[in-house]
Every structure is written in structure tokens, then in C-alpha cells.
C-alpha atoms as a PDB file:
ATOM      1  CA  MET A   1     100.341 112.674  39.666  1.00  0.00           C
ATOM      2  CA  ASN A   2     100.009 109.108  39.255  1.00  0.00           C
ATOM      3  CA  ILE A   3     102.339 108.967  37.333  1.00  0.00           C
ATOM      4  CA  ILE A   4     105.433 109.460  38.879  1.00  0.00           C
ATOM      5  CA  LYS A   5     103.816 109.306  41.986  1.00  0.00           C
ATOM      6  CA  ILE A   6     103.935 112.474  44.310  1.00  0.00           C
ATOM      7  CA  LYS A   7     101.479 115.026  45.561  1.00  0.00           C
ATOM      8  CA  ALA A   8     100.286 117.604  43.026  1.00  0.00           C
ATOM      9  CA  ASP A   9     101.675 119.962  45.569  1.00  0.00           C
ATOM     10  CA  ASN A  10     104.698 119.780  45.133  1.00  0.00           C
ATOM     11  CA  ILE A  11     104.677 119.664  40.667  1.00  0.00           C
ATOM     12  CA  TYR A  12     106.029 122.783  38.880  1.00  0.00           C
ATOM     13  CA  MET A  13     104.501 121.937  35.564  1.00  0.00           C
ATOM     14  CA  PHE A  14     105.988 123.572  32.332  1.00  0.00           C
ATOM     15  CA  ARG A  15     106.116 122.726  27.934  1.00  0.00           C
ATOM     16  CA  SER A  16     107.352 124.555  25.597  1.00  0.00           C
ATOM     17  CA  PRO A  17     107.427 123.754  22.267  1.00  0.00           C
ATOM     18  CA  THR A  18     110.860 121.407  20.698  1.00  0.00           C
ATOM     19  CA  SER A  19     112.892 122.686  17.870  1.00  0.00           C
ATOM     20  CA  ARG A  20     111.719 119.726  16.054  1.00  0.00           C
ATOM     21  CA  PRO A  21     109.111 118.627  14.628  1.00  0.00           C
ATOM     22  CA  ASN A  22     109.220 114.793  14.598  1.00  0.00           C
ATOM     23  CA  ILE A  23     109.008 114.708  18.532  1.00  0.00           C
ATOM     24  CA  ALA A  24     105.993 114.892  20.849  1.00  0.00           C
ATOM     25  CA  TYR A  25     106.080 115.110  23.658  1.00  0.00           C
ATOM     26  CA  SER A  26     102.882 114.324  26.625  1.00  0.00           C
ATOM     27  CA  VAL A  27     101.382 113.272  29.273  1.00  0.00           C
ATOM     28  CA  VAL A  28      98.766 110.148  29.324  1.00  0.00           C
ATOM     29  CA  GLU A  29      96.643 109.823  32.769  1.00  0.00           C
ATOM     30  CA  TYR A  30      95.762 106.307  33.575  1.00  0.00           C
ATOM     31  CA  ALA A  31      93.262 104.489  36.357  1.00  0.00           C
ATOM     32  CA  GLU A  32      95.422 102.354  38.724  1.00  0.00           C
ATOM     33  CA  ASN A  33      94.424  98.821  38.985  1.00  0.00           C
ATOM     34  CA  LYS A  34      93.875  96.179  42.652  1.00  0.00           C
ATOM     35  CA  PHE A  35      97.438  96.248  42.847  1.00  0.00           C
ATOM     36  CA  GLY A  36      97.554  99.606  42.568  1.00  0.00           C
ATOM     37  CA  ARG A  37      99.217 100.123  39.473  1.00  0.00           C
ATOM     38  CA  GLY A  38      97.653 100.160  35.306  1.00  0.00           C
ATOM     39  CA  ASP A  39     101.031 102.180  34.463  1.00  0.00           C
ATOM     40  CA  ILE A  40     102.535  99.062  32.915  1.00  0.00           C
ATOM     41  CA  SER A  41      99.531  98.352  31.194  1.00  0.00           C
ATOM     42  CA  ALA A  42      99.038 102.041  29.942  1.00  0.00           C
ATOM     43  CA  VAL A  43     102.553 102.300  28.462  1.00  0.00           C
ATOM     44  CA  CYS A  44     102.079  99.188  26.249  1.00  0.00           C
ATOM     45  CA  LYS A  45      98.607 100.090  25.035  1.00  0.00           C
ATOM     46  CA  LEU A  46      99.813 103.834  24.298  1.00  0.00           C
ATOM     47  CA  VAL A  47     103.358 102.111  22.789  1.00  0.00           C
ATOM     48  CA  LYS A  48     100.862  99.859  20.599  1.00  0.00           C
ATOM     49  CA  GLN A  49      98.530 102.335  18.909  1.00  0.00           C
ATOM     50  CA  LYS A  50     101.684 104.608  18.473  1.00  0.00           C
ATOM     51  CA  LEU A  51     103.371 102.416  16.519  1.00  0.00           C
ATOM     52  CA  GLU A  52      99.814 101.623  13.990  1.00  0.00           C
ATOM     53  CA  GLU A  53      99.410 105.169  14.214  1.00  0.00           C
ATOM     54  CA  TYR A  54     103.167 106.112  12.717  1.00  0.00           C
ATOM     55  CA  THR A  55     104.922 103.088  11.402  1.00  0.00           C
ATOM     56  CA  THR A  56     108.462 101.648  10.540  1.00  0.00           C
ATOM     57  CA  PRO A  57     110.836 103.274  10.758  1.00  0.00           C
ATOM     58  CA  ALA A  58     109.144 105.164  13.643  1.00  0.00           C
ATOM     59  CA  LYS A  59     110.653 105.165  17.262  1.00  0.00           C
ATOM     60  CA  ILE A  60     109.584 106.114  20.561  1.00  0.00           C
ATOM     61  CA  ILE A  61     111.076 106.012  23.477  1.00  0.00           C
ATOM     62  CA  ILE A  62     109.639 105.576  26.628  1.00  0.00           C
ATOM     63  CA  TYR A  63     110.881 107.511  30.645  1.00  0.00           C
ATOM     64  CA  SER A  64     110.166 106.079  33.915  1.00  0.00           C
ATOM     65  CA  GLY A  65     111.455 106.184  37.399  1.00  0.00           C
ATOM     66  CA  SER A  66     113.667 103.102  37.090  1.00  0.00           C
ATOM     67  CA  ILE A  67     115.345  99.867  34.570  1.00  0.00           C
ATOM     68  CA  VAL A  68     113.066  97.617  36.206  1.00  0.00           C
ATOM     69  CA  THR A  69     109.239  99.153  34.941  1.00  0.00           C
ATOM     70  CA  THR A  70     110.888 100.244  32.412  1.00  0.00           C
ATOM     71  CA  GLN A  71     111.861  96.358  30.915  1.00  0.00           C
ATOM     72  CA  GLU A  72     108.196  95.722  33.084  1.00  0.00           C
END
């Protein structure tokens, strides 16, 4: 699980539908760059794609492991 930097052996993944039809959750895999990152560019690319797909007044919420990476 590159996204949250934990070993796959330590994961219990579950999904259940939300009761709100206008909310969707997803997990996106990405390739790391030469600096061992790639998460920031992957998120930026996904946000751009989703904003084109869902125009104003669409909102996107991004969760991250730290304030710094969220601001990046």
C-alpha cells in the first residue's frame, strides 16, 4: 500500500456503500517517481480529471497523512 506507506500484511481493507448518492470513495494506485514519491502528482492529476468531469459547484475532499502533504 504505497499510498499510506504501510505493509500489505498489516492491512484490513473494507468497503461499504455510503448512504449519500453524491459521495464516492476510491483508492487509486500510482507509480513512485525517482525520489520515492509520486503521490502529489498523482493526486493533482486525479483532481484535475475529476474537476473536468464534475464542474462547478463540485467539491473534492483530499485526506492525507499530514498537513504538509495535503498543502503540497
